[in-house]
Amino acid sequence: MESTAEFPLAFFDWYLENEIHRDLKKFYTDITEELYFNNTDEIDNVNHIIKVLNIHHDEVASEYITFSFEHSSKSKLKQEVKRAKEFIELGFQKRFSEKKEVRAYADFLRIKLNSLFSNSACKEFPFLLSYLEQLDSLIDQYSKQSTNYSYTPSFVFIAKTPEEQLSKIKTLYKQLHEKPSVISCSLEEFINAFTGKEIDEGINWLITGKNKNYVSKPSLLYFLDELIDKRFLSRSIINDLYKFIRYVFRDHKGNELKNLKQSREAMSDNPASKDRIDIIISSL
């Protein structure tokens, strides 16, 4: 079972309950029956260490070779910790606009993590603790930061994995940049703007209304509304949407966007470039 953005500790929950003992059995079988049949010198069934006679002197100089279950599990566990960290970071990132959500998420993760620490597998395999402690430390880091955290009101694109998030953001950027361009900014700035990070110059929105001297704020509002409706952005930002827009976006001349509430109230069902925006979002 793999961890997911919704359940970042799912792998460890499953692994400690079931799979670790299957891996242990395979470890003993591989060493004592497959690789070094009849050459086992010593087996430590408590620490799960096997000492075998070295039958490949050309590769290793010593007379004996020692294998441990801890070492054989290292690569898999490091990879899963890295994956869980990415999901946990993504989870906090999505919630930083609301301190209560950050605390609730941290509490949820701690409850699950405490159940893992209490699992009998951690007593049988003490090396597991170091991996779980890395996740515990990460949760503490983010939850403590949120206590006095003044969040950056940039957007967080919702995806199942960090890799998918970055891929979709790049796709969105490419579509918005196809001529005639809808936005003007660097790819790096766009990625920061949609991964909850600080931005420098912001994103210039280039769609103008009937009067070409003024940017079409209704088209920008429609674009963001559609991202929210299609669940690419969290609905929790709706109450602070104008704050997010003022932080991230600029008009076609690089000036701050103002009177957003008035633009919302006067917004029609067919804002400028509506069809183009629909096509762009449908490509995600």
Protein backbone atom coordinates (compact mmCIF):
# COMPACT_ATOMS: atom_id res chain seq x y z
CA MET A 1 0.00 0.00 0.00
CA GLU A 2 1.28 3.44 -0.89
CA SER A 3 0.96 6.65 1.09
CA THR A 4 -1.20 9.34 -0.47
CA ALA A 5 -1.77 13.06 -0.01
CA GLU A 6 -4.93 12.23 1.94
CA PHE A 7 -3.22 9.56 4.06
CA PRO A 8 0.51 10.40 4.17
CA LEU A 9 1.30 7.68 6.73
CA ALA A 10 -0.67 4.90 5.02
CA PHE A 11 2.42 2.94 3.98
CA PHE A 12 3.80 2.77 7.51
CA ASP A 13 0.42 1.83 8.94
CA TRP A 14 0.22 -1.06 6.48
CA TYR A 15 3.91 -2.02 6.60
CA LEU A 16 4.16 -2.35 10.38
CA GLU A 17 1.00 -4.42 10.59
CA ASN A 18 1.68 -6.83 7.74
CA GLU A 19 4.50 -6.44 5.30
CA ILE A 20 7.52 -6.09 7.56
CA HIS A 21 7.30 -9.72 8.69
CA ARG A 22 7.02 -10.87 5.08
CA ASP A 23 10.15 -8.85 4.30
CA LEU A 24 11.88 -10.44 7.32
CA LYS A 25 11.02 -13.93 6.12
CA LYS A 26 12.28 -13.08 2.64
CA PHE A 27 15.50 -11.68 4.15
CA TYR A 28 16.25 -14.98 5.92
CA THR A 29 15.29 -17.03 2.89
CA ASP A 30 17.41 -15.01 0.48
CA ILE A 31 20.52 -15.22 2.63
CA THR A 32 20.33 -18.71 4.13
CA GLU A 33 18.67 -20.62 1.28
CA GLU A 34 19.36 -18.72 -1.93
CA LEU A 35 22.65 -16.84 -1.68
CA TYR A 36 24.60 -18.70 1.01
CA PHE A 37 23.02 -22.14 1.31
CA ASN A 38 25.00 -24.33 3.80
CA ASN A 39 27.46 -21.45 4.44
CA THR A 40 25.69 -19.80 7.39
CA ASP A 41 27.97 -19.39 10.39
CA GLU A 42 25.77 -17.54 12.88
CA ILE A 43 22.14 -16.34 12.99
CA ASP A 44 20.95 -13.74 15.51
CA ASN A 45 17.16 -14.08 15.54
CA VAL A 46 16.76 -11.22 18.02
CA ASN A 47 18.61 -8.50 16.11
CA HIS A 48 18.03 -10.27 12.78
CA ILE A 49 21.68 -10.45 11.80
CA ILE A 50 23.22 -13.28 9.75
CA LYS A 51 26.92 -14.06 9.59
CA VAL A 52 27.95 -16.19 6.63
CA LEU A 53 31.15 -17.67 5.30
CA ASN A 54 32.52 -15.54 2.48
CA ILE A 55 32.56 -17.76 -0.57
CA HIS A 56 33.38 -14.89 -2.91
CA HIS A 57 36.87 -13.89 -1.74
CA ASP A 58 37.54 -12.10 -4.99
CA GLU A 59 34.89 -9.51 -4.11
CA VAL A 60 35.31 -9.13 -0.33
CA ALA A 61 38.58 -9.72 1.50
CA SER A 62 37.17 -10.79 4.88
CA GLU A 63 36.48 -14.41 5.80
CA TYR A 64 32.90 -13.65 6.87
CA ILE A 65 30.14 -11.36 5.64
CA THR A 66 27.44 -9.95 7.92
CA PHE A 67 23.92 -9.18 6.74
CA SER A 68 21.29 -7.37 8.76
CA PHE A 69 17.58 -6.93 8.23
CA GLU A 70 17.99 -3.29 9.27
CA HIS A 71 20.38 -2.64 6.42
CA SER A 72 18.34 -4.56 3.86
CA SER A 73 15.26 -2.46 4.79
CA LYS A 74 17.08 0.87 4.65
CA SER A 75 16.51 1.75 1.00
CA LYS A 76 12.78 1.03 1.07
CA LEU A 77 12.20 2.91 4.33
CA LYS A 78 14.24 5.95 3.25
CA GLN A 79 12.21 6.16 0.06
CA GLU A 80 8.90 5.89 1.94
CA VAL A 81 9.95 8.49 4.53
CA LYS A 82 10.84 10.87 1.72
CA ARG A 83 7.45 10.25 0.09
CA ALA A 84 5.58 10.71 3.39
CA LYS A 85 7.46 13.97 4.06
CA GLU A 86 6.43 15.33 0.68
CA PHE A 87 2.78 14.50 1.37
CA ILE A 88 2.93 15.98 4.87
CA GLU A 89 4.51 19.18 3.57
CA LEU A 90 1.85 19.38 0.86
CA GLY A 91 -0.85 18.92 3.51
CA PHE A 92 0.48 21.74 5.68
CA GLN A 93 1.01 23.91 2.62
CA LYS A 94 -2.68 23.61 1.70
CA ARG A 95 -3.75 24.59 5.23
CA PHE A 96 -1.43 27.49 6.07
CA SER A 97 -4.10 30.05 5.31
CA GLU A 98 -6.03 28.88 8.39
CA LYS A 99 -4.20 28.28 11.69
CA LYS A 100 -6.99 26.10 13.08
CA GLU A 101 -6.66 23.79 10.09
CA VAL A 102 -2.90 23.58 10.61
CA ARG A 103 -3.33 22.57 14.25
CA ALA A 104 -6.07 20.06 13.43
CA TYR A 105 -3.94 18.51 10.69
CA ALA A 106 -0.93 18.27 13.00
CA ASP A 107 -3.06 16.64 15.70
CA PHE A 108 -4.45 14.15 13.18
CA LEU A 109 -0.93 13.19 12.07
CA ARG A 110 0.33 12.89 15.66
CA ILE A 111 -2.52 10.54 16.62
CA LYS A 112 -1.68 8.29 13.70
CA LEU A 113 2.06 8.55 14.36
CA ASN A 114 1.62 7.70 18.05
CA SER A 115 -0.22 4.53 17.05
CA LEU A 116 2.77 3.62 14.90
CA PHE A 117 5.21 4.24 17.74
CA SER A 118 3.06 1.96 19.90
CA ASN A 119 2.97 -0.80 17.33
CA SER A 120 4.63 -4.01 18.48
CA ALA A 121 6.80 -3.93 15.34
CA CYS A 122 8.71 -0.95 16.76
CA LYS A 123 9.70 -3.05 19.77
CA GLU A 124 10.73 -5.96 17.60
CA PHE A 125 12.55 -3.73 15.09
CA PRO A 126 13.93 -0.70 17.03
CA PHE A 127 15.54 0.73 13.89
CA LEU A 128 12.05 1.73 12.75
CA LEU A 129 11.97 4.45 15.41
CA SER A 130 14.55 6.62 13.64
CA TYR A 131 12.37 6.78 10.52
CA LEU A 132 9.18 7.61 12.43
CA GLU A 133 11.06 10.23 14.46
CA GLN A 134 11.96 12.04 11.23
CA LEU A 135 8.27 12.38 10.45
CA ASP A 136 7.49 13.42 14.02
CA SER A 137 10.14 16.14 13.83
CA LEU A 138 8.72 17.43 10.54
CA ILE A 139 5.20 17.64 11.98
CA ASP A 140 6.51 19.55 15.01
CA GLN A 141 8.43 21.92 12.76
CA TYR A 142 5.38 22.91 10.73
CA SER A 143 2.93 23.04 13.62
CA LYS A 144 5.24 25.24 15.73
CA GLN A 145 5.84 27.59 12.82
CA SER A 146 2.10 28.07 12.45
CA THR A 147 1.76 29.44 16.01
CA ASN A 148 3.08 32.85 15.00
CA TYR A 149 2.79 32.32 11.30
CA SER A 150 1.82 35.13 8.99
CA TYR A 151 0.99 33.17 5.89
CA THR A 152 1.92 34.15 2.37
CA PRO A 153 -1.34 34.57 0.44
CA SER A 154 -0.23 32.83 -2.72
CA PHE A 155 -2.20 29.95 -4.16
CA VAL A 156 -1.65 26.22 -3.64
CA PHE A 157 -2.50 24.04 -6.61
CA ILE A 158 -4.14 20.82 -5.40
CA ALA A 159 -2.79 17.52 -6.70
CA LYS A 160 -2.32 13.96 -5.49
CA THR A 161 1.47 14.20 -5.33
CA PRO A 162 4.09 16.99 -5.39
CA GLU A 163 5.23 15.67 -8.77
CA GLU A 164 1.73 15.91 -10.19
CA GLN A 165 1.31 19.36 -8.68
CA LEU A 166 4.45 20.67 -10.40
CA SER A 167 3.53 18.99 -13.70
CA LYS A 168 0.05 20.53 -13.78
CA ILE A 169 1.35 23.97 -12.79
CA LYS A 170 3.81 23.83 -15.69
CA THR A 171 1.02 22.75 -18.03
CA LEU A 172 -1.14 25.63 -16.85
CA TYR A 173 1.73 28.08 -17.33
CA LYS A 174 2.38 26.81 -20.85
CA GLN A 175 -1.29 27.11 -21.81
CA LEU A 176 -1.58 30.62 -20.38
CA HIS A 177 1.54 31.67 -22.28
CA GLU A 178 0.41 30.49 -25.71
CA LYS A 179 -0.19 33.47 -27.98
CA PRO A 180 -2.07 35.60 -27.39
CA SER A 181 -0.66 35.30 -23.87
CA VAL A 182 -3.02 35.50 -20.92
CA ILE A 183 -0.25 36.20 -18.40
CA SER A 184 3.24 37.61 -18.23
CA CYS A 185 5.75 36.28 -15.68
CA SER A 186 8.60 33.80 -15.38
CA LEU A 187 7.94 30.09 -14.88
CA GLU A 188 9.67 30.26 -11.49
CA GLU A 189 7.42 33.10 -10.37
CA PHE A 190 4.34 31.21 -11.56
CA ILE A 191 5.38 28.05 -9.69
CA ASN A 192 5.93 30.07 -6.51
CA ALA A 193 2.55 31.74 -6.93
CA PHE A 194 0.79 28.36 -7.05
CA THR A 195 2.80 26.48 -4.41
CA GLY A 196 2.20 28.80 -1.47
CA LYS A 197 5.57 30.55 -1.71
CA GLU A 198 6.60 34.18 -1.68
CA ILE A 199 6.67 36.00 -4.99
CA ASP A 200 8.73 38.93 -6.23
CA GLU A 201 7.09 40.77 -9.12
CA GLY A 202 3.80 38.91 -9.39
CA ILE A 203 1.84 37.75 -12.42
CA ASN A 204 0.58 40.28 -14.95
CA TRP A 205 -2.95 39.44 -16.16
CA LEU A 206 -3.08 40.49 -19.81
CA ILE A 207 -6.72 40.05 -20.79
CA THR A 208 -8.33 43.44 -21.29
CA GLY A 209 -11.96 44.43 -21.54
CA LYS A 210 -13.69 46.42 -24.28
CA ASN A 211 -11.63 49.41 -23.21
CA LYS A 212 -8.14 48.15 -23.98
CA ASN A 213 -6.68 50.54 -21.44
CA TYR A 214 -8.04 48.48 -18.54
CA VAL A 215 -7.45 44.87 -17.59
CA SER A 216 -10.46 42.56 -17.40
CA LYS A 217 -10.75 41.75 -13.70
CA PRO A 218 -13.94 39.68 -14.30
CA SER A 219 -11.94 37.35 -16.55
CA LEU A 220 -9.37 36.83 -13.78
CA LEU A 221 -12.13 36.22 -11.23
CA TYR A 222 -13.72 33.71 -13.61
CA PHE A 223 -10.36 31.95 -14.10
CA LEU A 224 -9.86 31.54 -10.35
CA ASP A 225 -13.51 30.59 -9.76
CA GLU A 226 -13.14 27.79 -12.29
CA LEU A 227 -9.93 26.52 -10.66
CA ILE A 228 -11.80 26.41 -7.35
CA ASP A 229 -14.89 24.76 -8.84
CA LYS A 230 -12.74 22.12 -10.56
CA ARG A 231 -10.97 21.53 -7.20
CA PHE A 232 -7.56 22.67 -8.36
CA LEU A 233 -7.64 25.33 -5.62
CA SER A 234 -9.08 24.96 -2.13
CA ARG A 235 -12.53 26.40 -1.45
CA SER A 236 -11.15 27.64 1.88
CA ILE A 237 -9.53 30.61 0.10
CA ILE A 238 -12.85 32.04 -1.09
CA ASN A 239 -13.28 34.37 1.88
CA ASP A 240 -9.78 35.78 1.36
CA LEU A 241 -9.72 35.52 -2.44
CA TYR A 242 -9.25 39.26 -3.01
CA LYS A 243 -6.26 39.25 -0.67
CA PHE A 244 -4.73 36.39 -2.69
CA ILE A 245 -5.39 38.19 -5.97
CA ARG A 246 -3.84 41.45 -4.78
CA TYR A 247 -0.74 39.61 -3.59
CA VAL A 248 -0.23 37.44 -6.69
CA PHE A 249 -1.66 39.31 -9.67
CA ARG A 250 -1.05 42.68 -11.34
CA ASP A 251 -2.79 44.35 -14.24
CA HIS A 252 -1.31 44.34 -17.75
CA LYS A 253 0.82 47.37 -16.85
CA GLY A 254 2.16 45.85 -13.62
CA ASN A 255 -0.08 47.85 -11.29
CA GLU A 256 -1.98 46.54 -8.28
CA LEU A 257 -5.50 45.30 -8.95
CA LYS A 258 -8.13 47.34 -7.11
CA ASN A 259 -11.93 47.44 -6.77
CA LEU A 260 -12.20 43.68 -7.04
CA LYS A 261 -15.43 43.56 -5.07
CA GLN A 262 -17.05 46.02 -7.45
CA SER A 263 -15.82 43.98 -10.42
CA ARG A 264 -17.38 40.88 -8.89
CA GLU A 265 -20.72 42.61 -8.42
CA ALA A 266 -20.74 43.84 -12.02
CA MET A 267 -19.49 40.56 -13.44
CA SER A 268 -21.45 39.05 -16.35
CA ASP A 269 -21.92 35.39 -17.24
CA ASN A 270 -19.64 35.83 -20.22
CA PRO A 271 -16.44 37.64 -19.16
CA ALA A 272 -13.70 38.42 -21.67
CA SER A 273 -11.91 35.33 -23.06
CA LYS A 274 -14.26 32.95 -21.23
CA ASP A 275 -13.98 30.28 -23.94
CA ARG A 276 -10.19 30.48 -23.93
CA ILE A 277 -10.09 30.12 -20.14
CA ASP A 278 -12.42 27.10 -20.31
CA ILE A 279 -10.13 25.39 -22.83
CA ILE A 280 -7.04 26.08 -20.73
CA ILE A 281 -8.54 24.66 -17.54
CA SER A 282 -9.96 21.64 -19.37
CA SER A 283 -6.38 20.77 -20.43
CA LEU A 284 -5.30 20.14 -16.82
